[in-house]
Structures are given as structure tokens and as C-alpha cells.
Amino acid sequence: QGSVPDPPKKMADAALAEREAFDRDGFLIVRGFATPEECEGMVSRMAKLIDEWDPKTLEVFRTDKVQSKAQGSSDYFLSSADKIHFFLEKDALDEKTGGLRSDVPKADALNKVGHGLHLVDDVFRAYSESEKVGRLVRNLGWKHPVLPQSMYIFKQKLIGDVVTSHQDSCFLWTEPRQTCLGLWLALQDATLDNGCLWARPGSHKEPVRRQFSRNPEFFEGGQKDKPMMIFESHANSDHVPWEGAMPEPDPAAGGFVPAPMKAGDLFVIHGALDHLSLPNTSEKSRQTFQLHLIEGPKEGITWSSKNWLQYPDNKPFPEIPMPPA
């Protein structure tokens, strides 16, 4: 008769298998990472935040070819680093009045809320600082990570917009090497119909192609007619003609594979992984809570001063509590 493996060995074997899959593919799906109670708690908390939100400032979030113009000319976006700010779907605005469409409730008009939920809200901070987050990150090789950014994404029914092909490190640049890691938690089921993630396995082994940078002409040159943010090219992207756009005729043609998920599942994203999502044309939203962490200064890593996200007064990013090995 074979012996039953002891729990510590079984956990170590599972962690090794996860590390190997992540290193091979650039992503990892952890089924049932969050409990139904945790997911429901975050959804309920966000509903309360939206209820308390007075939409006097209407800001549209985009990922298409006008992204640098939209986010790159917005004080509301740039000042959201350590706060809770609300960003709309582009199809939620009335083109004639500039306000919310009368037929779209404000809860259904949002693209995302960010980027400091992990700093200022107890419910989202509790998950962000949980032991299981620290354990997973440690098992994947991060040693002293810090957490610059969190986002709540809605992918609204019928109007949830496309998220074009991108690498997260483009927006969370670190030096002397790239260390971004994304933790994409499904709070509702993510399906082919409501805009689940698509990822290109192995693309994390390619260089990060561009950097979303503060424009020196605006910030240092005082040219206020220039965009605040620009994209700087860092690597040849001829093999990725869909950079900042979408593969034609569909993601599969570019080597992307879909990743349907159940509420509570976690999609772990290497910062150089090429990934995207299609529009939500269904009657069901696809809400997620996302963390973006980097290796910290204790590992000799520096957050780029060019990044859009900068905490006021050079306040340090919070450390992710790491359980003992």
C-alpha cells in the first residue's frame, strides 16, 4: 500500500507545480482562491461606495489608441494614485450633454474604480494584506513586494468596453528590471460572453515593448498644450502588430487563449504577459478586483519616476505581509 503524503509535502508540491506553470506560460489560474463570502463582501462594499459617490466629475477610462490623450491629460486620473476615484465607460456618456446617459444608472456606467482601494478601504485592504496573497506571491518568487495599485473593474453588461492588448509593466515600470505582478480576482463569473481574459502563453519571455511615461515637455518644459502622458517605445513590436489594439480577425489568430473563470478564481499575470479582453455584449457584468504589485526597494528595485502613478510626498508603497517560508 502506498503512503499518504503529509500535508506540508502536498502543499510544497502544489506550490512547485504552480511556479513551474507560471514560469512556463506567464500566467496562472488558482481556482477558488477567494471564498464566496470574500467576493460578496467586496461586491457589497463597492455597491455602497458607488451609492455614496456624487458624479460631479465625469472621467472616461480608455485603453484604445486615444489612451494617452484621454488619461494623459487628466488631473483626476493622475491624482487617483492613493485615493478612490471613479471612471466611466465611454458609452455611458451622453454626447449631447456631456453628462451621464439618462437611461444608464450610475452603478451601470462605471468602467473602474481606482487606484488606492487597498490603502483607504478596510474591506479591500483586508484582502490585499491577507496571508494567502503573501504566500502565493512568495511561492512565485517575489521576496519583498510592495503594492502600488489596486483597481475594481466592472465590465458592465452590454456596454463593457474592450481592453486592448497590453503588458502591465508598460504602466508599472521598475528598474533595473521589470517586476510587476498582477493578481486578477474574479468577483463574478468571467465567460466568453461577458469578456473573460485572453492571454498569449509564453509572451512574458518577450521584452516589454513600450512605457507609459510622464511627458517631459509638459512636466519639465511647461508646455501645457502637450499631453501629460506619452508612450515611449522600448522594443521592436513588428511581431505584435496589434500593440495597443486587437489581433485580427480575432484573439486566437494572434495566439491568445481564453481564460473563463468562476467567481473566486484568481488569474496571476506576469508583467510582460500579452493579454486582453473582448467587449461584454451579454446581460451579465464581469466584476473583478485587481492588485498590481512590484518587488520592493529591499531587493534593489526602483519605481520609475516616469510612471503615471506617484504617491504624494514620495510616500512609500505598502509592503505585502509575507508569511514565513
C-alpha atoms as a PDB file:
ATOM      1  CA  GLN A   1       0.000   0.000   0.000  1.00  0.00           C
ATOM      2  CA  GLY A   2       1.239   3.483  -0.853  1.00  0.00           C
ATOM      3  CA  SER A   3       1.680   6.001   1.907  1.00  0.00           C
ATOM      4  CA  VAL A   4      -0.471   9.119   2.051  1.00  0.00           C
ATOM      5  CA  PRO A   5       1.694  12.222   1.511  1.00  0.00           C
ATOM      6  CA  ASP A   6       1.846  14.503   4.533  1.00  0.00           C
ATOM      7  CA  PRO A   7       0.078  17.883   4.199  1.00  0.00           C
ATOM      8  CA  PRO A   8       3.263  20.038   4.167  1.00  0.00           C
ATOM      9  CA  LYS A   9       4.763  17.984   1.327  1.00  0.00           C
ATOM     10  CA  LYS A  10       1.491  18.080  -0.595  1.00  0.00           C
ATOM     11  CA  MET A  11       1.371  21.875  -0.244  1.00  0.00           C
ATOM     12  CA  ALA A  12       5.017  22.182  -1.306  1.00  0.00           C
ATOM     13  CA  ASP A  13       4.398  20.013  -4.378  1.00  0.00           C
ATOM     14  CA  ALA A  14       1.364  22.131  -5.329  1.00  0.00           C
ATOM     15  CA  ALA A  15       3.345  25.349  -4.919  1.00  0.00           C
ATOM     16  CA  LEU A  16       6.148  23.964  -7.114  1.00  0.00           C
ATOM     17  CA  ALA A  17       3.665  22.974  -9.827  1.00  0.00           C
ATOM     18  CA  GLU A  18       2.170  26.473  -9.740  1.00  0.00           C
ATOM     19  CA  ARG A  19       5.617  28.059 -10.024  1.00  0.00           C
ATOM     20  CA  GLU A  20       6.523  25.845 -12.986  1.00  0.00           C
ATOM     21  CA  ALA A  21       3.266  26.661 -14.806  1.00  0.00           C
ATOM     22  CA  PHE A  22       3.698  30.374 -14.156  1.00  0.00           C
ATOM     23  CA  ASP A  23       7.317  30.368 -15.350  1.00  0.00           C
ATOM     24  CA  ARG A  24       6.323  28.459 -18.491  1.00  0.00           C
ATOM     25  CA  ASP A  25       3.176  30.344 -19.510  1.00  0.00           C
ATOM     26  CA  GLY A  26       3.472  33.765 -17.840  1.00  0.00           C
ATOM     27  CA  PHE A  27       0.159  33.261 -16.098  1.00  0.00           C
ATOM     28  CA  LEU A  28      -1.504  31.008 -13.581  1.00  0.00           C
ATOM     29  CA  ILE A  29      -5.124  30.290 -12.667  1.00  0.00           C
ATOM     30  CA  VAL A  30      -5.733  29.500  -8.997  1.00  0.00           C
ATOM     31  CA  ARG A  31      -9.218  28.059  -8.624  1.00  0.00           C
ATOM     32  CA  GLY A  32     -11.227  29.069  -5.555  1.00  0.00           C
ATOM     33  CA  PHE A  33      -8.592  31.499  -4.280  1.00  0.00           C
ATOM     34  CA  ALA A  34     -11.209  33.689  -2.562  1.00  0.00           C
ATOM     35  CA  THR A  35     -14.249  32.437  -0.674  1.00  0.00           C
ATOM     36  CA  PRO A  36     -17.800  33.305  -1.743  1.00  0.00           C
ATOM     37  CA  GLU A  37     -18.049  35.420   1.415  1.00  0.00           C
ATOM     38  CA  GLU A  38     -14.949  37.430   0.445  1.00  0.00           C
ATOM     39  CA  CYS A  39     -16.248  38.016  -3.076  1.00  0.00           C
ATOM     40  CA  GLU A  40     -19.707  39.010  -1.888  1.00  0.00           C
ATOM     41  CA  GLY A  41     -18.150  41.298   0.721  1.00  0.00           C
ATOM     42  CA  MET A  42     -16.162  43.208  -1.898  1.00  0.00           C
ATOM     43  CA  VAL A  43     -19.114  43.448  -4.286  1.00  0.00           C
ATOM     44  CA  SER A  44     -21.340  44.758  -1.482  1.00  0.00           C
ATOM     45  CA  ARG A  45     -18.717  47.228  -0.314  1.00  0.00           C
ATOM     46  CA  MET A  46     -18.290  48.595  -3.843  1.00  0.00           C
ATOM     47  CA  ALA A  47     -22.059  48.984  -4.195  1.00  0.00           C
ATOM     48  CA  LYS A  48     -22.017  51.143  -1.047  1.00  0.00           C
ATOM     49  CA  LEU A  49     -19.113  53.241  -2.347  1.00  0.00           C
ATOM     50  CA  ILE A  50     -20.977  53.833  -5.602  1.00  0.00           C
ATOM     51  CA  ASP A  51     -24.140  54.754  -3.720  1.00  0.00           C
ATOM     52  CA  GLU A  52     -22.152  57.399  -1.810  1.00  0.00           C
ATOM     53  CA  TRP A  53     -20.429  58.690  -4.979  1.00  0.00           C
ATOM     54  CA  ASP A  54     -21.618  62.035  -6.322  1.00  0.00           C
ATOM     55  CA  PRO A  55     -20.754  62.003 -10.059  1.00  0.00           C
ATOM     56  CA  LYS A  56     -19.795  65.657 -10.389  1.00  0.00           C
ATOM     57  CA  THR A  57     -16.506  64.761 -12.070  1.00  0.00           C
ATOM     58  CA  LEU A  58     -17.072  62.504 -15.066  1.00  0.00           C
ATOM     59  CA  GLU A  59     -13.921  60.824 -16.358  1.00  0.00           C
ATOM     60  CA  VAL A  60     -13.899  58.169 -19.094  1.00  0.00           C
ATOM     61  CA  PHE A  61     -11.307  55.395 -18.972  1.00  0.00           C
ATOM     62  CA  ARG A  62      -9.999  54.008 -22.275  1.00  0.00           C
ATOM     63  CA  THR A  63      -7.374  51.528 -23.483  1.00  0.00           C
ATOM     64  CA  ASP A  64      -7.611  52.194 -27.221  1.00  0.00           C
ATOM     65  CA  LYS A  65      -5.423  54.366 -29.476  1.00  0.00           C
ATOM     66  CA  VAL A  66      -6.512  57.598 -27.748  1.00  0.00           C
ATOM     67  CA  GLN A  67      -5.496  56.339 -24.281  1.00  0.00           C
ATOM     68  CA  SER A  68      -2.520  58.687 -23.938  1.00  0.00           C
ATOM     69  CA  LYS A  69      -4.780  61.610 -24.853  1.00  0.00           C
ATOM     70  CA  ALA A  70      -7.608  60.567 -22.517  1.00  0.00           C
ATOM     71  CA  GLN A  71      -5.642  59.549 -19.400  1.00  0.00           C
ATOM     72  CA  GLY A  72      -2.621  61.616 -20.361  1.00  0.00           C
ATOM     73  CA  SER A  73      -4.432  64.916 -19.996  1.00  0.00           C
ATOM     74  CA  SER A  74      -6.334  64.332 -16.783  1.00  0.00           C
ATOM     75  CA  ASP A  75      -5.548  65.595 -13.281  1.00  0.00           C
ATOM     76  CA  TYR A  76      -8.383  63.417 -11.952  1.00  0.00           C
ATOM     77  CA  PHE A  77      -6.646  60.305 -13.304  1.00  0.00           C
ATOM     78  CA  LEU A  78      -3.131  61.281 -12.178  1.00  0.00           C
ATOM     79  CA  SER A  79      -4.292  62.215  -8.668  1.00  0.00           C
ATOM     80  CA  SER A  80      -6.071  58.890  -8.101  1.00  0.00           C
ATOM     81  CA  ALA A  81      -2.918  57.020  -7.027  1.00  0.00           C
ATOM     82  CA  ASP A  82      -3.741  56.917  -3.308  1.00  0.00           C
ATOM     83  CA  LYS A  83      -7.466  57.674  -3.481  1.00  0.00           C
ATOM     84  CA  ILE A  84     -10.772  56.189  -4.615  1.00  0.00           C
ATOM     85  CA  HIS A  85     -11.743  57.735  -7.955  1.00  0.00           C
ATOM     86  CA  PHE A  86     -14.484  56.663 -10.338  1.00  0.00           C
ATOM     87  CA  PHE A  87     -14.022  56.212 -14.114  1.00  0.00           C
ATOM     88  CA  LEU A  88     -16.798  55.780 -16.678  1.00  0.00           C
ATOM     89  CA  GLU A  89     -17.350  53.588 -19.698  1.00  0.00           C
ATOM     90  CA  LYS A  90     -17.138  55.735 -22.840  1.00  0.00           C
ATOM     91  CA  ASP A  91     -20.603  54.589 -23.941  1.00  0.00           C
ATOM     92  CA  ALA A  92     -22.146  55.783 -20.670  1.00  0.00           C
ATOM     93  CA  LEU A  93     -21.817  59.461 -21.590  1.00  0.00           C
ATOM     94  CA  ASP A  94     -24.471  61.474 -23.396  1.00  0.00           C
ATOM     95  CA  GLU A  95     -22.622  63.049 -26.348  1.00  0.00           C
ATOM     96  CA  LYS A  96     -25.021  65.997 -26.436  1.00  0.00           C
ATOM     97  CA  THR A  97     -24.986  66.969 -22.754  1.00  0.00           C
ATOM     98  CA  GLY A  98     -21.619  65.612 -21.661  1.00  0.00           C
ATOM     99  CA  GLY A  99     -23.338  64.043 -18.640  1.00  0.00           C
ATOM    100  CA  LEU A 100     -24.434  60.531 -17.825  1.00  0.00           C
ATOM    101  CA  ARG A 101     -26.944  58.990 -20.214  1.00  0.00           C
ATOM    102  CA  SER A 102     -30.402  59.201 -18.662  1.00  0.00           C
ATOM    103  CA  ASP A 103     -31.038  55.518 -19.390  1.00  0.00           C
ATOM    104  CA  VAL A 104     -27.866  54.297 -17.621  1.00  0.00           C
ATOM    105  CA  PRO A 105     -27.892  54.195 -13.777  1.00  0.00           C
ATOM    106  CA  LYS A 106     -24.589  55.377 -12.302  1.00  0.00           C
ATOM    107  CA  ALA A 107     -23.862  51.883 -10.968  1.00  0.00           C
ATOM    108  CA  ASP A 108     -24.003  50.594 -14.567  1.00  0.00           C
ATOM    109  CA  ALA A 109     -21.952  53.462 -16.036  1.00  0.00           C
ATOM    110  CA  LEU A 110     -18.592  52.742 -14.401  1.00  0.00           C
ATOM    111  CA  ASN A 111     -15.586  51.198 -16.105  1.00  0.00           C
ATOM    112  CA  LYS A 112     -13.452  51.041 -12.972  1.00  0.00           C
ATOM    113  CA  VAL A 113     -12.686  52.460  -9.537  1.00  0.00           C
ATOM    114  CA  GLY A 114      -9.076  53.046  -8.500  1.00  0.00           C
ATOM    115  CA  HIS A 115      -6.331  53.235  -7.643  1.00  0.00           C
ATOM    116  CA  GLY A 116      -5.946  53.287  -3.840  1.00  0.00           C
ATOM    117  CA  LEU A 117      -8.667  50.938  -2.591  1.00  0.00           C
ATOM    118  CA  HIS A 118      -6.009  48.858  -0.817  1.00  0.00           C
ATOM    119  CA  LEU A 119      -4.925  51.968   1.098  1.00  0.00           C
ATOM    120  CA  VAL A 120      -8.132  53.637   2.224  1.00  0.00           C
ATOM    121  CA  ASP A 121     -10.848  50.967   2.420  1.00  0.00           C
ATOM    122  CA  ASP A 122     -10.878  48.308   5.152  1.00  0.00           C
ATOM    123  CA  VAL A 123     -12.622  45.606   3.098  1.00  0.00           C
ATOM    124  CA  PHE A 124     -10.245  45.791   0.152  1.00  0.00           C
ATOM    125  CA  ARG A 125      -7.200  46.287   2.383  1.00  0.00           C
ATOM    126  CA  ALA A 126      -8.036  43.113   4.338  1.00  0.00           C
ATOM    127  CA  TYR A 127      -7.912  41.009   1.170  1.00  0.00           C
ATOM    128  CA  SER A 128      -4.806  42.799  -0.139  1.00  0.00           C
ATOM    129  CA  GLU A 129      -2.915  42.106   3.109  1.00  0.00           C
ATOM    130  CA  SER A 130      -4.218  38.557   3.571  1.00  0.00           C
ATOM    131  CA  GLU A 131      -1.837  35.718   4.324  1.00  0.00           C
ATOM    132  CA  LYS A 132      -2.849  33.803   1.201  1.00  0.00           C
ATOM    133  CA  VAL A 133      -1.856  36.704  -1.057  1.00  0.00           C
ATOM    134  CA  GLY A 134       1.551  36.886   0.609  1.00  0.00           C
ATOM    135  CA  ARG A 135       2.028  33.116   0.452  1.00  0.00           C
ATOM    136  CA  LEU A 136       1.169  32.933  -3.258  1.00  0.00           C
ATOM    137  CA  VAL A 137       3.461  35.833  -4.134  1.00  0.00           C
ATOM    138  CA  ARG A 138       6.299  34.304  -2.120  1.00  0.00           C
ATOM    139  CA  ASN A 139       5.835  30.917  -3.803  1.00  0.00           C
ATOM    140  CA  LEU A 140       6.131  32.600  -7.219  1.00  0.00           C
ATOM    141  CA  GLY A 141       9.496  34.094  -6.304  1.00  0.00           C
ATOM    142  CA  TRP A 142       8.834  37.615  -5.017  1.00  0.00           C
ATOM    143  CA  LYS A 143      10.796  38.364  -1.843  1.00  0.00           C
ATOM    144  CA  HIS A 144       9.918  41.848  -0.509  1.00  0.00           C
ATOM    145  CA  PRO A 145       6.988  43.021  -2.656  1.00  0.00           C
ATOM    146  CA  VAL A 146       5.148  46.307  -2.293  1.00  0.00           C
ATOM    147  CA  LEU A 147       1.694  47.226  -3.582  1.00  0.00           C
ATOM    148  CA  PRO A 148       1.396  50.428  -5.631  1.00  0.00           C
ATOM    149  CA  GLN A 149      -2.050  49.937  -7.155  1.00  0.00           C
ATOM    150  CA  SER A 150      -5.485  48.358  -6.868  1.00  0.00           C
ATOM    151  CA  MET A 151      -8.480  48.549  -9.205  1.00  0.00           C
ATOM    152  CA  TYR A 152     -12.077  47.386  -9.228  1.00  0.00           C
ATOM    153  CA  ILE A 153     -13.167  46.654 -12.827  1.00  0.00           C
ATOM    154  CA  PHE A 154     -16.838  46.311 -13.759  1.00  0.00           C
ATOM    155  CA  LYS A 155     -17.002  45.155 -17.400  1.00  0.00           C
ATOM    156  CA  GLN A 156     -20.616  46.279 -17.463  1.00  0.00           C
ATOM    157  CA  LYS A 157     -23.321  44.313 -19.218  1.00  0.00           C
ATOM    158  CA  LEU A 158     -23.882  45.387 -22.830  1.00  0.00           C
ATOM    159  CA  ILE A 159     -21.513  48.412 -22.686  1.00  0.00           C
ATOM    160  CA  GLY A 160     -18.374  46.916 -21.074  1.00  0.00           C
ATOM    161  CA  ASP A 161     -15.623  48.051 -23.434  1.00  0.00           C
ATOM    162  CA  VAL A 162     -12.741  46.119 -24.973  1.00  0.00           C
ATOM    163  CA  VAL A 163      -9.380  46.107 -23.154  1.00  0.00           C
ATOM    164  CA  THR A 164      -6.773  46.118 -25.892  1.00  0.00           C
ATOM    165  CA  SER A 165      -3.620  44.009 -25.976  1.00  0.00           C
ATOM    166  CA  HIS A 166      -1.076  45.200 -23.415  1.00  0.00           C
ATOM    167  CA  GLN A 167       1.680  44.275 -20.964  1.00  0.00           C
ATOM    168  CA  ASP A 168       1.119  45.504 -17.390  1.00  0.00           C
ATOM    169  CA  SER A 169       4.756  46.507 -16.916  1.00  0.00           C
ATOM    170  CA  CYS A 170       4.186  49.181 -19.543  1.00  0.00           C
ATOM    171  CA  PHE A 171       2.227  51.066 -16.874  1.00  0.00           C
ATOM    172  CA  LEU A 172       4.150  49.883 -13.789  1.00  0.00           C
ATOM    173  CA  TRP A 173       7.778  50.261 -14.865  1.00  0.00           C
ATOM    174  CA  THR A 174      10.552  49.252 -12.479  1.00  0.00           C
ATOM    175  CA  GLU A 175      14.333  49.483 -12.708  1.00  0.00           C
ATOM    176  CA  PRO A 176      16.818  47.915 -13.245  1.00  0.00           C
ATOM    177  CA  ARG A 177      14.421  45.077 -14.175  1.00  0.00           C
ATOM    178  CA  GLN A 178      10.697  44.607 -14.612  1.00  0.00           C
ATOM    179  CA  THR A 179       8.987  43.104 -11.544  1.00  0.00           C
ATOM    180  CA  CYS A 180       5.255  43.783 -11.935  1.00  0.00           C
ATOM    181  CA  LEU A 181       2.860  41.006 -10.930  1.00  0.00           C
ATOM    182  CA  GLY A 182      -0.910  41.243 -11.421  1.00  0.00           C
ATOM    183  CA  LEU A 183      -3.483  39.431  -9.271  1.00  0.00           C
ATOM    184  CA  TRP A 184      -6.813  39.436 -11.143  1.00  0.00           C
ATOM    185  CA  LEU A 185      -9.592  38.159  -8.855  1.00  0.00           C
ATOM    186  CA  ALA A 186     -12.934  37.249 -10.436  1.00  0.00           C
ATOM    187  CA  LEU A 187     -15.735  38.505  -8.181  1.00  0.00           C
ATOM    188  CA  GLN A 188     -18.313  37.252 -10.685  1.00  0.00           C
ATOM    189  CA  ASP A 189     -18.092  34.508 -13.300  1.00  0.00           C
ATOM    190  CA  ALA A 190     -15.958  35.530 -16.301  1.00  0.00           C
ATOM    191  CA  THR A 191     -17.133  33.853 -19.520  1.00  0.00           C
ATOM    192  CA  LEU A 192     -16.588  34.063 -23.251  1.00  0.00           C
ATOM    193  CA  ASP A 193     -19.831  36.036 -23.452  1.00  0.00           C
ATOM    194  CA  ASN A 194     -19.132  38.691 -20.815  1.00  0.00           C
ATOM    195  CA  GLY A 195     -15.491  39.440 -21.598  1.00  0.00           C
ATOM    196  CA  CYS A 196     -13.158  36.974 -19.873  1.00  0.00           C
ATOM    197  CA  LEU A 197      -9.410  37.436 -20.153  1.00  0.00           C
ATOM    198  CA  TRP A 198      -7.405  36.200 -23.136  1.00  0.00           C
ATOM    199  CA  ALA A 199      -3.650  35.641 -22.739  1.00  0.00           C
ATOM    200  CA  ARG A 200      -0.793  34.707 -25.095  1.00  0.00           C
ATOM    201  CA  PRO A 201       1.117  31.863 -23.408  1.00  0.00           C
ATOM    202  CA  GLY A 202       4.874  32.380 -23.256  1.00  0.00           C
ATOM    203  CA  SER A 203       4.735  36.037 -24.330  1.00  0.00           C
ATOM    204  CA  HIS A 204       6.174  37.061 -20.940  1.00  0.00           C
ATOM    205  CA  LYS A 205       9.571  35.952 -22.267  1.00  0.00           C
ATOM    206  CA  GLU A 206       9.463  38.818 -24.775  1.00  0.00           C
ATOM    207  CA  PRO A 207      10.710  42.303 -23.807  1.00  0.00           C
ATOM    208  CA  VAL A 208       8.289  44.953 -22.595  1.00  0.00           C
ATOM    209  CA  ARG A 209       7.597  46.894 -25.760  1.00  0.00           C
ATOM    210  CA  ARG A 210       6.698  50.355 -24.503  1.00  0.00           C
ATOM    211  CA  GLN A 211       6.378  52.523 -21.408  1.00  0.00           C
ATOM    212  CA  PHE A 212       3.520  54.835 -20.430  1.00  0.00           C
ATOM    213  CA  SER A 213       5.583  57.821 -19.288  1.00  0.00           C
ATOM    214  CA  ARG A 214       5.205  61.296 -17.901  1.00  0.00           C
ATOM    215  CA  ASN A 215       5.848  63.691 -20.761  1.00  0.00           C
ATOM    216  CA  PRO A 216       8.881  65.920 -20.022  1.00  0.00           C
ATOM    217  CA  GLU A 217       7.547  68.555 -22.415  1.00  0.00           C
ATOM    218  CA  PHE A 218       4.575  69.013 -20.067  1.00  0.00           C
ATOM    219  CA  PHE A 219       6.080  68.395 -16.624  1.00  0.00           C
ATOM    220  CA  GLU A 220       9.534  69.881 -17.126  1.00  0.00           C
ATOM    221  CA  GLY A 221       9.166  72.075 -20.206  1.00  0.00           C
ATOM    222  CA  GLY A 222       5.975  73.761 -19.087  1.00  0.00           C
ATOM    223  CA  GLN A 223       4.233  73.141 -22.430  1.00  0.00           C
ATOM    224  CA  LYS A 224       0.705  72.842 -21.082  1.00  0.00           C
ATOM    225  CA  ASP A 225      -0.730  72.188 -24.546  1.00  0.00           C
ATOM    226  CA  LYS A 226       1.108  68.848 -24.613  1.00  0.00           C
ATOM    227  CA  PRO A 227      -0.330  65.612 -23.176  1.00  0.00           C
ATOM    228  CA  MET A 228       0.756  64.758 -19.655  1.00  0.00           C
ATOM    229  CA  MET A 229       1.467  61.135 -20.614  1.00  0.00           C
ATOM    230  CA  ILE A 230       3.034  59.556 -23.690  1.00  0.00           C
ATOM    231  CA  PHE A 231       4.025  56.074 -24.847  1.00  0.00           C
ATOM    232  CA  GLU A 232       7.784  55.524 -25.275  1.00  0.00           C
ATOM    233  CA  SER A 233       8.958  52.595 -27.411  1.00  0.00           C
ATOM    234  CA  HIS A 234      11.467  50.228 -25.800  1.00  0.00           C
ATOM    235  CA  ALA A 235      11.493  47.189 -28.095  1.00  0.00           C
ATOM    236  CA  ASN A 236      10.643  46.239 -31.651  1.00  0.00           C
ATOM    237  CA  SER A 237       6.982  45.309 -31.918  1.00  0.00           C
ATOM    238  CA  ASP A 238       6.848  44.221 -35.576  1.00  0.00           C
ATOM    239  CA  HIS A 239       5.895  40.718 -34.422  1.00  0.00           C
ATOM    240  CA  VAL A 240       3.000  42.227 -32.445  1.00  0.00           C
ATOM    241  CA  PRO A 241       1.093  44.350 -34.973  1.00  0.00           C
ATOM    242  CA  TRP A 242      -1.819  44.552 -32.549  1.00  0.00           C
ATOM    243  CA  GLU A 243       0.155  46.534 -29.931  1.00  0.00           C
ATOM    244  CA  GLY A 244      -2.393  48.760 -28.154  1.00  0.00           C
ATOM    245  CA  ALA A 245      -5.120  47.354 -30.402  1.00  0.00           C
ATOM    246  CA  MET A 246      -6.595  43.911 -31.131  1.00  0.00           C
ATOM    247  CA  PRO A 247      -5.396  40.942 -33.217  1.00  0.00           C
ATOM    248  CA  GLU A 248      -7.298  40.451 -36.463  1.00  0.00           C
ATOM    249  CA  PRO A 249      -9.623  38.798 -37.123  1.00  0.00           C
ATOM    250  CA  ASP A 250      -9.779  37.587 -33.504  1.00  0.00           C
ATOM    251  CA  PRO A 251      -7.505  36.954 -30.479  1.00  0.00           C
ATOM    252  CA  ALA A 252      -6.993  33.292 -31.381  1.00  0.00           C
ATOM    253  CA  ALA A 253      -5.340  34.378 -34.629  1.00  0.00           C
ATOM    254  CA  GLY A 254      -2.670  36.115 -32.533  1.00  0.00           C
ATOM    255  CA  GLY A 255      -2.021  33.065 -30.371  1.00  0.00           C
ATOM    256  CA  PHE A 256      -4.226  34.165 -27.453  1.00  0.00           C
ATOM    257  CA  VAL A 257      -6.228  31.642 -25.437  1.00  0.00           C
ATOM    258  CA  PRO A 258      -9.344  32.428 -23.376  1.00  0.00           C
ATOM    259  CA  ALA A 259      -9.447  32.010 -19.608  1.00  0.00           C
ATOM    260  CA  PRO A 260     -13.035  31.530 -18.382  1.00  0.00           C
ATOM    261  CA  MET A 261     -13.222  31.711 -14.593  1.00  0.00           C
ATOM    262  CA  LYS A 262     -15.667  31.257 -11.755  1.00  0.00           C
ATOM    263  CA  ALA A 263     -16.194  33.825  -9.022  1.00  0.00           C
ATOM    264  CA  GLY A 264     -13.349  33.400  -6.529  1.00  0.00           C
ATOM    265  CA  ASP A 265     -10.803  32.215  -9.110  1.00  0.00           C
ATOM    266  CA  LEU A 266      -7.562  34.188  -9.438  1.00  0.00           C
ATOM    267  CA  PHE A 267      -5.648  34.899 -12.651  1.00  0.00           C
ATOM    268  CA  VAL A 268      -1.986  35.685 -11.923  1.00  0.00           C
ATOM    269  CA  ILE A 269      -0.293  37.843 -14.574  1.00  0.00           C
ATOM    270  CA  HIS A 270       3.422  38.284 -15.277  1.00  0.00           C
ATOM    271  CA  GLY A 271       4.121  41.949 -16.024  1.00  0.00           C
ATOM    272  CA  ALA A 272       5.333  41.182 -19.561  1.00  0.00           C
ATOM    273  CA  LEU A 273       2.420  38.880 -20.479  1.00  0.00           C
ATOM    274  CA  ASP A 274       0.413  40.000 -23.505  1.00  0.00           C
ATOM    275  CA  HIS A 275      -3.277  39.906 -22.553  1.00  0.00           C
ATOM    276  CA  LEU A 276      -6.617  41.496 -23.442  1.00  0.00           C
ATOM    277  CA  SER A 277     -10.377  41.131 -23.119  1.00  0.00           C
ATOM    278  CA  LEU A 278     -13.244  41.481 -25.574  1.00  0.00           C
ATOM    279  CA  PRO A 279     -16.340  43.664 -25.107  1.00  0.00           C
ATOM    280  CA  ASN A 280     -19.137  42.488 -22.867  1.00  0.00           C
ATOM    281  CA  THR A 281     -22.176  42.065 -25.084  1.00  0.00           C
ATOM    282  CA  SER A 282     -24.046  39.898 -22.585  1.00  0.00           C
ATOM    283  CA  GLU A 283     -26.665  40.704 -19.965  1.00  0.00           C
ATOM    284  CA  LYS A 284     -24.244  39.917 -17.108  1.00  0.00           C
ATOM    285  CA  SER A 285     -21.471  42.102 -15.712  1.00  0.00           C
ATOM    286  CA  ARG A 286     -17.970  40.708 -15.029  1.00  0.00           C
ATOM    287  CA  GLN A 287     -16.663  42.406 -11.898  1.00  0.00           C
ATOM    288  CA  THR A 288     -13.074  41.899 -10.730  1.00  0.00           C
ATOM    289  CA  PHE A 289     -10.702  43.238  -8.072  1.00  0.00           C
ATOM    290  CA  GLN A 290      -7.129  43.585  -9.224  1.00  0.00           C
ATOM    291  CA  LEU A 291      -3.839  44.147  -7.416  1.00  0.00           C
ATOM    292  CA  HIS A 292      -0.602  45.175  -9.106  1.00  0.00           C
ATOM    293  CA  LEU A 293       2.500  44.637  -7.024  1.00  0.00           C
ATOM    294  CA  ILE A 294       6.226  45.026  -7.677  1.00  0.00           C
ATOM    295  CA  GLU A 295       9.398  43.844  -5.985  1.00  0.00           C
ATOM    296  CA  GLY A 296      10.352  46.383  -3.343  1.00  0.00           C
ATOM    297  CA  PRO A 297      13.354  48.583  -2.617  1.00  0.00           C
ATOM    298  CA  LYS A 298      14.757  45.958  -0.218  1.00  0.00           C
ATOM    299  CA  GLU A 299      15.520  43.936  -3.360  1.00  0.00           C
ATOM    300  CA  GLY A 300      17.216  46.881  -5.085  1.00  0.00           C
ATOM    301  CA  ILE A 301      14.191  47.723  -7.232  1.00  0.00           C
ATOM    302  CA  THR A 302      13.243  51.328  -8.017  1.00  0.00           C
ATOM    303  CA  TRP A 303       9.814  52.584  -9.098  1.00  0.00           C
ATOM    304  CA  SER A 304      10.251  54.696 -12.232  1.00  0.00           C
ATOM    305  CA  SER A 305       9.781  58.429 -11.732  1.00  0.00           C
ATOM    306  CA  LYS A 306       8.249  58.412 -15.230  1.00  0.00           C
ATOM    307  CA  ASN A 307       5.273  56.257 -14.170  1.00  0.00           C
ATOM    308  CA  TRP A 308       1.901  57.989 -14.079  1.00  0.00           C
ATOM    309  CA  LEU A 309       1.214  56.634 -10.595  1.00  0.00           C
ATOM    310  CA  GLN A 310       3.160  58.560  -7.940  1.00  0.00           C
ATOM    311  CA  TYR A 311       2.130  58.811  -4.297  1.00  0.00           C
ATOM    312  CA  PRO A 312       2.114  62.364  -2.865  1.00  0.00           C
ATOM    313  CA  ASP A 313       5.225  63.491  -0.974  1.00  0.00           C
ATOM    314  CA  ASN A 314       7.108  60.364  -2.098  1.00  0.00           C
ATOM    315  CA  LYS A 315       5.104  58.270   0.352  1.00  0.00           C
ATOM    316  CA  PRO A 316       6.315  54.634   0.159  1.00  0.00           C
ATOM    317  CA  PHE A 317       4.127  51.864  -1.193  1.00  0.00           C
ATOM    318  CA  PRO A 318       2.753  49.484   1.467  1.00  0.00           C
ATOM    319  CA  GLU A 319       4.595  46.211   1.890  1.00  0.00           C
ATOM    320  CA  ILE A 320       2.764  42.950   1.318  1.00  0.00           C
ATOM    321  CA  PRO A 321       2.959  40.879   4.531  1.00  0.00           C
ATOM    322  CA  MET A 322       4.928  37.713   3.747  1.00  0.00           C
ATOM    323  CA  PRO A 323       4.315  34.582   5.829  1.00  0.00           C
ATOM    324  CA  PRO A 324       7.358  32.586   6.935  1.00  0.00           C
ATOM    325  CA  ALA A 325       8.647  30.069   4.408  1.00  0.00           C
END
